[in-house]
C-alpha atoms as a PDB file:
ATOM      1  CA  MET A   1      74.613  96.978 111.629  1.00  0.00           C
ATOM      2  CA  PRO A   2      77.245  94.209 111.365  1.00  0.00           C
ATOM      3  CA  THR A   3      80.476  95.333 109.782  1.00  0.00           C
ATOM      4  CA  HIS A   4      83.204  93.128 108.445  1.00  0.00           C
ATOM      5  CA  ALA A   5      86.368  92.992 106.406  1.00  0.00           C
ATOM      6  CA  ALA A   6      86.554  91.398 102.992  1.00  0.00           C
ATOM      7  CA  SER A   7      87.868  88.009 104.054  1.00  0.00           C
ATOM      8  CA  ASP A   8      84.809  87.431 106.259  1.00  0.00           C
ATOM      9  CA  VAL A   9      82.713  87.007 103.113  1.00  0.00           C
ATOM     10  CA  GLN A  10      83.211  83.958 100.924  1.00  0.00           C
ATOM     11  CA  LEU A  11      82.305  84.853  97.371  1.00  0.00           C
ATOM     12  CA  ASP A  12      80.685  82.047  95.463  1.00  0.00           C
ATOM     13  CA  ALA A  13      81.655  80.991  91.987  1.00  0.00           C
ATOM     14  CA  ASP A  14      78.588  82.621  90.420  1.00  0.00           C
ATOM     15  CA  ALA A  15      79.427  86.041  91.895  1.00  0.00           C
ATOM     16  CA  LEU A  16      83.026  85.815  90.719  1.00  0.00           C
ATOM     17  CA  GLU A  17      81.934  84.726  87.258  1.00  0.00           C
ATOM     18  CA  ALA A  18      79.436  87.605  87.057  1.00  0.00           C
ATOM     19  CA  GLY A  19      82.251  90.005  87.875  1.00  0.00           C
ATOM     20  CA  ARG A  20      84.565  88.430  85.319  1.00  0.00           C
ATOM     21  CA  ARG A  21      81.951  88.604  82.564  1.00  0.00           C
ATOM     22  CA  LEU A  22      81.043  92.209  83.299  1.00  0.00           C
ATOM     23  CA  PHE A  23      84.630  93.421  83.214  1.00  0.00           C
ATOM     24  CA  ALA A  24      85.431  91.385  80.123  1.00  0.00           C
ATOM     25  CA  ALA A  25      82.969  93.626  78.254  1.00  0.00           C
ATOM     26  CA  PRO A  26      84.093  96.745  76.375  1.00  0.00           C
ATOM     27  CA  CYS A  27      84.682  99.832  78.481  1.00  0.00           C
ATOM     28  CA  ALA A  28      84.534 103.183  76.703  1.00  0.00           C
ATOM     29  CA  PHE A  29      84.922 106.808  77.701  1.00  0.00           C
ATOM     30  CA  ILE A  30      81.587 108.651  77.605  1.00  0.00           C
ATOM     31  CA  ALA A  31      82.293 112.185  78.758  1.00  0.00           C
ATOM     32  CA  GLY A  32      84.366 114.418  80.981  1.00  0.00           C
ATOM     33  CA  ALA A  33      82.634 117.078  83.039  1.00  0.00           C
ATOM     34  CA  ALA A  34      84.524 120.101  84.352  1.00  0.00           C
ATOM     35  CA  ASN A  35      81.373 122.006  85.331  1.00  0.00           C
ATOM     36  CA  PRO A  36      77.744 121.147  86.181  1.00  0.00           C
ATOM     37  CA  ASP A  37      76.466 122.013  82.699  1.00  0.00           C
ATOM     38  CA  SER A  38      78.722 119.404  81.098  1.00  0.00           C
ATOM     39  CA  LEU A  39      77.538 116.466  83.208  1.00  0.00           C
ATOM     40  CA  PRO A  40      76.023 113.802  80.927  1.00  0.00           C
ATOM     41  CA  ALA A  41      72.343 113.059  81.340  1.00  0.00           C
ATOM     42  CA  PRO A  42      71.622 110.264  83.839  1.00  0.00           C
ATOM     43  CA  GLY A  43      71.045 106.898  82.189  1.00  0.00           C
ATOM     44  CA  ARG A  44      72.488 103.595  83.355  1.00  0.00           C
ATOM     45  CA  THR A  45      73.414 102.766  86.922  1.00  0.00           C
ATOM     46  CA  GLU A  46      76.549 104.583  88.068  1.00  0.00           C
ATOM     47  CA  VAL A  47      79.244 103.701  90.601  1.00  0.00           C
ATOM     48  CA  ALA A  48      81.644 106.493  91.503  1.00  0.00           C
ATOM     49  CA  PHE A  49      85.235 106.161  92.693  1.00  0.00           C
ATOM     50  CA  ALA A  50      86.469 108.756  95.170  1.00  0.00           C
ATOM     51  CA  GLY A  51      89.660 109.087  97.176  1.00  0.00           C
ATOM     52  CA  ARG A  52      92.526 111.287  98.214  1.00  0.00           C
ATOM     53  CA  SER A  53      94.865 112.429  95.472  1.00  0.00           C
ATOM     54  CA  ASN A  54      97.440 109.744  94.700  1.00  0.00           C
ATOM     55  CA  VAL A  55      95.469 107.008  96.482  1.00  0.00           C
ATOM     56  CA  GLY A  56      95.812 104.817  93.390  1.00  0.00           C
ATOM     57  CA  LYS A  57      92.367 105.403  91.920  1.00  0.00           C
ATOM     58  CA  SER A  58      93.425 105.436  88.275  1.00  0.00           C
ATOM     59  CA  SER A  59      95.598 102.344  88.749  1.00  0.00           C
ATOM     60  CA  LEU A  60      92.673 100.520  90.348  1.00  0.00           C
ATOM     61  CA  LEU A  61      90.309 101.417  87.498  1.00  0.00           C
ATOM     62  CA  ASN A  62      92.882 100.196  84.996  1.00  0.00           C
ATOM     63  CA  ALA A  63      93.352  96.947  86.941  1.00  0.00           C
ATOM     64  CA  LEU A  64      89.605  96.344  87.170  1.00  0.00           C
ATOM     65  CA  THR A  65      89.071  96.768  83.447  1.00  0.00           C
ATOM     66  CA  GLY A  66      92.302  95.055  82.408  1.00  0.00           C
ATOM     67  CA  ARG A  67      93.447  98.140  80.521  1.00  0.00           C
ATOM     68  CA  ARG A  68      96.630 100.108  80.912  1.00  0.00           C
ATOM     69  CA  ASP A  69      95.334 103.515  79.975  1.00  0.00           C
ATOM     70  CA  LEU A  70      91.593 103.659  80.655  1.00  0.00           C
ATOM     71  CA  ALA A  71      92.325 106.145  83.422  1.00  0.00           C
ATOM     72  CA  ARG A  72      95.490 108.206  83.348  1.00  0.00           C
ATOM     73  CA  THR A  73      97.926 107.461  86.152  1.00  0.00           C
ATOM     74  CA  SER A  74     100.412 109.938  87.552  1.00  0.00           C
ATOM     75  CA  SER A  75     102.772 110.282  90.489  1.00  0.00           C
ATOM     76  CA  THR A  76     101.640 113.905  90.714  1.00  0.00           C
ATOM     77  CA  PRO A  77      98.679 114.395  93.098  1.00  0.00           C
ATOM     78  CA  GLY A  78      95.701 116.318  91.751  1.00  0.00           C
ATOM     79  CA  ARG A  79      96.167 115.223  88.140  1.00  0.00           C
ATOM     80  CA  THR A  80      92.495 114.415  87.458  1.00  0.00           C
ATOM     81  CA  GLN A  81      90.692 117.728  87.002  1.00  0.00           C
ATOM     82  CA  GLN A  82      87.213 116.652  85.916  1.00  0.00           C
ATOM     83  CA  ILE A  83      84.634 113.933  86.482  1.00  0.00           C
ATOM     84  CA  ASN A  84      85.170 111.205  83.897  1.00  0.00           C
ATOM     85  CA  PHE A  85      82.442 108.749  82.872  1.00  0.00           C
ATOM     86  CA  PHE A  86      83.067 105.304  81.354  1.00  0.00           C
ATOM     87  CA  ASP A  87      80.438 102.907  79.993  1.00  0.00           C
ATOM     88  CA  LEU A  88      81.105  99.283  80.947  1.00  0.00           C
ATOM     89  CA  GLY A  89      79.352  96.823  78.683  1.00  0.00           C
ATOM     90  CA  GLY A  90      76.172  98.886  78.528  1.00  0.00           C
ATOM     91  CA  ARG A  91      75.355  97.794  82.097  1.00  0.00           C
ATOM     92  CA  LEU A  92      77.313 100.060  84.409  1.00  0.00           C
ATOM     93  CA  VAL A  93      78.880 103.519  84.280  1.00  0.00           C
ATOM     94  CA  LEU A  94      82.161 103.906  86.153  1.00  0.00           C
ATOM     95  CA  VAL A  95      82.658 107.463  87.381  1.00  0.00           C
ATOM     96  CA  ASP A  96      86.177 108.690  88.153  1.00  0.00           C
ATOM     97  CA  LEU A  97      85.986 111.658  90.547  1.00  0.00           C
ATOM     98  CA  PRO A  98      88.831 114.161  91.026  1.00  0.00           C
ATOM     99  CA  GLY A  99      91.038 113.320  93.989  1.00  0.00           C
ATOM    100  CA  TYR A 100      90.445 115.271  97.160  1.00  0.00           C
ATOM    101  CA  GLY A 101      92.869 116.607  99.730  1.00  0.00           C
ATOM    102  CA  TYR A 102      95.459 118.137  97.408  1.00  0.00           C
ATOM    103  CA  SER A 103      95.697 119.968  94.126  1.00  0.00           C
ATOM    104  CA  ARG A 104      98.371 121.807  92.211  1.00  0.00           C
ATOM    105  CA  ALA A 105      95.723 123.783  90.363  1.00  0.00           C
ATOM    106  CA  GLY A 106      95.211 126.298  93.146  1.00  0.00           C
ATOM    107  CA  LYS A 107      92.492 127.087  95.646  1.00  0.00           C
ATOM    108  CA  LYS A 108      89.995 128.476  93.129  1.00  0.00           C
ATOM    109  CA  ALA A 109      90.133 125.399  90.910  1.00  0.00           C
ATOM    110  CA  THR A 110      89.916 123.132  93.935  1.00  0.00           C
ATOM    111  CA  ARG A 111      86.811 124.960  95.159  1.00  0.00           C
ATOM    112  CA  ASN A 112      85.224 124.561  91.728  1.00  0.00           C
ATOM    113  CA  TRP A 113      85.970 120.830  91.650  1.00  0.00           C
ATOM    114  CA  THR A 114      84.658 120.402  95.180  1.00  0.00           C
ATOM    115  CA  ARG A 115      81.416 122.162  94.287  1.00  0.00           C
ATOM    116  CA  LEU A 116      81.049 120.058  91.125  1.00  0.00           C
ATOM    117  CA  ILE A 117      81.572 116.829  93.060  1.00  0.00           C
ATOM    118  CA  GLN A 118      79.086 117.880  95.737  1.00  0.00           C
ATOM    119  CA  LEU A 119      76.454 118.716  93.131  1.00  0.00           C
ATOM    120  CA  TYR A 120      77.017 115.373  91.433  1.00  0.00           C
ATOM    121  CA  LEU A 121      76.848 113.348  94.640  1.00  0.00           C
ATOM    122  CA  ARG A 122      73.775 115.115  95.974  1.00  0.00           C
ATOM    123  CA  GLY A 123      71.638 115.103  92.873  1.00  0.00           C
ATOM    124  CA  ARG A 124      72.483 112.068  90.744  1.00  0.00           C
ATOM    125  CA  PRO A 125      69.460 109.716  90.654  1.00  0.00           C
ATOM    126  CA  THR A 126      71.401 106.906  88.924  1.00  0.00           C
ATOM    127  CA  LEU A 127      74.281 106.888  91.426  1.00  0.00           C
ATOM    128  CA  ARG A 128      74.088 103.499  93.167  1.00  0.00           C
ATOM    129  CA  ARG A 129      77.211 103.639  95.307  1.00  0.00           C
ATOM    130  CA  VAL A 130      80.420 105.571  95.931  1.00  0.00           C
ATOM    131  CA  MET A 131      83.563 103.513  96.394  1.00  0.00           C
ATOM    132  CA  VAL A 132      85.704 105.497  98.853  1.00  0.00           C
ATOM    133  CA  LEU A 133      89.309 104.513  98.236  1.00  0.00           C
ATOM    134  CA  VAL A 134      91.669 104.602 101.215  1.00  0.00           C
ATOM    135  CA  ASP A 135      95.422 103.973 101.178  1.00  0.00           C
ATOM    136  CA  ALA A 136      95.966 100.863 103.317  1.00  0.00           C
ATOM    137  CA  ARG A 137      99.301 102.226 104.530  1.00  0.00           C
ATOM    138  CA  ARG A 138      97.626 105.243 106.116  1.00  0.00           C
ATOM    139  CA  GLY A 139      94.092 104.228 107.000  1.00  0.00           C
ATOM    140  CA  LEU A 140      91.278 106.734 107.311  1.00  0.00           C
ATOM    141  CA  GLY A 141      92.351 110.367 107.386  1.00  0.00           C
ATOM    142  CA  PRO A 142      90.483 113.613 108.128  1.00  0.00           C
ATOM    143  CA  ALA A 143      89.676 114.187 104.439  1.00  0.00           C
ATOM    144  CA  ASP A 144      88.223 110.665 104.109  1.00  0.00           C
ATOM    145  CA  ARG A 145      86.073 111.178 107.191  1.00  0.00           C
ATOM    146  CA  GLU A 146      84.833 114.500 105.844  1.00  0.00           C
ATOM    147  CA  VAL A 147      83.751 112.854 102.597  1.00  0.00           C
ATOM    148  CA  MET A 148      81.975 110.094 104.489  1.00  0.00           C
ATOM    149  CA  ASP A 149      80.253 112.675 106.698  1.00  0.00           C
ATOM    150  CA  SER A 150      78.959 114.373 103.558  1.00  0.00           C
ATOM    151  CA  LEU A 151      77.732 111.089 102.056  1.00  0.00           C
ATOM    152  CA  ASP A 152      76.056 110.142 105.326  1.00  0.00           C
ATOM    153  CA  SER A 153      74.272 113.496 105.422  1.00  0.00           C
ATOM    154  CA  VAL A 154      72.701 112.992 101.989  1.00  0.00           C
ATOM    155  CA  ALA A 155      72.127 109.231 102.417  1.00  0.00           C
ATOM    156  CA  VAL A 156      74.344 108.208  99.488  1.00  0.00           C
ATOM    157  CA  SER A 157      75.550 104.629  99.912  1.00  0.00           C
ATOM    158  CA  TYR A 158      79.323 104.200  99.980  1.00  0.00           C
ATOM    159  CA  GLN A 159      81.837 101.406 100.480  1.00  0.00           C
ATOM    160  CA  VAL A 160      85.439 101.650 101.653  1.00  0.00           C
ATOM    161  CA  VAL A 161      88.008 100.046  99.349  1.00  0.00           C
ATOM    162  CA  LEU A 162      91.565  99.810 100.614  1.00  0.00           C
ATOM    163  CA  THR A 163      94.268 100.298  97.986  1.00  0.00           C
ATOM    164  CA  LYS A 164      97.968  99.370  97.946  1.00  0.00           C
ATOM    165  CA  VAL A 165      97.505  96.562 100.457  1.00  0.00           C
ATOM    166  CA  ASP A 166     100.697  94.974  99.147  1.00  0.00           C
ATOM    167  CA  LYS A 167     102.500  97.861 100.846  1.00  0.00           C
ATOM    168  CA  ALA A 168     100.478  97.856 104.056  1.00  0.00           C
ATOM    169  CA  GLY A 169     103.247  96.323 106.158  1.00  0.00           C
ATOM    170  CA  LYS A 170     105.102  93.146 106.930  1.00  0.00           C
ATOM    171  CA  GLY A 171     103.198  89.959 107.547  1.00  0.00           C
ATOM    172  CA  ALA A 172     100.493  88.148 105.596  1.00  0.00           C
ATOM    173  CA  ASP A 173      97.750  89.617 107.766  1.00  0.00           C
ATOM    174  CA  ALA A 174      98.869  93.284 107.697  1.00  0.00           C
ATOM    175  CA  ALA A 175      96.204  94.331 105.191  1.00  0.00           C
ATOM    176  CA  GLU A 176      93.561  92.365 107.117  1.00  0.00           C
ATOM    177  CA  VAL A 177      94.427  94.235 110.297  1.00  0.00           C
ATOM    178  CA  VAL A 178      93.957  97.569 108.527  1.00  0.00           C
ATOM    179  CA  ALA A 179      90.687  96.382 106.959  1.00  0.00           C
ATOM    180  CA  ARG A 180      89.270  95.289 110.300  1.00  0.00           C
ATOM    181  CA  ARG A 181      90.297  98.549 111.932  1.00  0.00           C
ATOM    182  CA  VAL A 182      88.504 100.543 109.235  1.00  0.00           C
ATOM    183  CA  ALA A 183      85.461  98.256 109.445  1.00  0.00           C
ATOM    184  CA  GLU A 184      85.204  98.865 113.180  1.00  0.00           C
ATOM    185  CA  THR A 185      85.507 102.625 112.627  1.00  0.00           C
ATOM    186  CA  ILE A 186      82.636 102.867 110.138  1.00  0.00           C
ATOM    187  CA  VAL A 187      80.208 100.544 111.928  1.00  0.00           C
ATOM    188  CA  SER A 188      78.024 103.418 113.176  1.00  0.00           C
ATOM    189  CA  ARG A 189      77.934 105.328 109.904  1.00  0.00           C
ATOM    190  CA  PRO A 190      74.406 105.153 108.419  1.00  0.00           C
ATOM    191  CA  ALA A 191      75.298 105.166 104.714  1.00  0.00           C
ATOM    192  CA  ALA A 192      78.386 102.939 104.900  1.00  0.00           C
ATOM    193  CA  HIS A 193      78.277  99.482 103.339  1.00  0.00           C
ATOM    194  CA  PRO A 194      79.452  96.981 105.971  1.00  0.00           C
ATOM    195  CA  GLU A 195      82.065  95.213 103.856  1.00  0.00           C
ATOM    196  CA  VAL A 196      85.540  96.734 103.548  1.00  0.00           C
ATOM    197  CA  LEU A 197      87.384  95.483 100.467  1.00  0.00           C
ATOM    198  CA  ALA A 198      91.178  95.209 100.351  1.00  0.00           C
ATOM    199  CA  THR A 199      92.862  95.555  96.958  1.00  0.00           C
ATOM    200  CA  SER A 200      96.197  95.927  95.235  1.00  0.00           C
ATOM    201  CA  SER A 201      96.560  97.045  91.637  1.00  0.00           C
ATOM    202  CA  ALA A 202     100.159  95.834  91.695  1.00  0.00           C
ATOM    203  CA  ASN A 203      99.590  92.158  92.510  1.00  0.00           C
ATOM    204  CA  GLY A 204      95.857  91.749  91.863  1.00  0.00           C
ATOM    205  CA  THR A 205      94.752  91.210  95.457  1.00  0.00           C
ATOM    206  CA  GLY A 206      91.000  91.749  95.823  1.00  0.00           C
ATOM    207  CA  ILE A 207      90.392  92.684  92.193  1.00  0.00           C
ATOM    208  CA  GLU A 208      88.090  89.707  91.551  1.00  0.00           C
ATOM    209  CA  ALA A 209      86.138  90.428  94.734  1.00  0.00           C
ATOM    210  CA  LEU A 210      85.700  94.083  93.778  1.00  0.00           C
ATOM    211  CA  ARG A 211      84.564  93.102  90.286  1.00  0.00           C
ATOM    212  CA  ALA A 212      81.980  90.787  91.839  1.00  0.00           C
ATOM    213  CA  ALA A 213      80.737  93.540  94.152  1.00  0.00           C
ATOM    214  CA  LEU A 214      80.347  95.931  91.239  1.00  0.00           C
ATOM    215  CA  ALA A 215      78.621  93.321  89.075  1.00  0.00           C
ATOM    216  CA  ALA A 216      75.990  92.969  91.803  1.00  0.00           C
ATOM    217  CA  LEU A 217      75.188  96.675  91.347  1.00  0.00           C
ATOM    218  CA  ALA A 218      75.109  96.689  87.546  1.00  0.00           C
ATOM    219  CA  ASP A 219      71.982  96.786  85.408  1.00  0.00           C
ATOM    220  CA  PRO A 220      70.766  93.293  84.410  1.00  0.00           C
ATOM    221  CA  VAL A 221      71.780  91.736  81.134  1.00  0.00           C
ATOM    222  CA  GLN A 222      69.302  92.583  78.396  1.00  0.00           C
ATOM    223  CA  LEU A 223      68.143  89.447  76.588  1.00  0.00           C
ATOM    224  CA  GLY A 224      66.909  89.384  73.025  1.00  0.00           C
END
């Protein structure tokens, strides 16, 4: 399966416009689930966002939707303690998963969150893709690989999205080097999407491309 970094793909104007229109629509909180019984019933297509604690997941969601407080941001790892669901324009549900790899809530709470996430990922019929966020300054770590192993085992499609590429290193091509390295690493993974996207919530790098990718997964516009 060919694998490539984001700059290898030239997005056309229609794809970019589809992404812009989708994320210009209202985005509203639906529900927060802290246990399996509180998960909302499956409905529209869902795309989940996963990543290590403090990878910049909340900042990325805010940047995508053009809102400052859609998802709460914090310098404290492990802040998100439930799965949060957001309806985007009646066409796509954005799912904010608790960060993995660290938690101040203790081992018992972490085990509960891990079990909840696993149940969600394994049994959600409307889940179209998981965006696995990876800090561009660090690349893939053991926790990221473990998550990808789990997604591969249950055949849930996922795509790597690099965050904080503005801090990836000196040189205009620093983020591209990291993206290509990650792309080469995941080439043999059966459930991995071949394109690695590079983003920065701080300066807007890759936000339009990510919006376009998500718009391609969304439910079609209902006419009439």
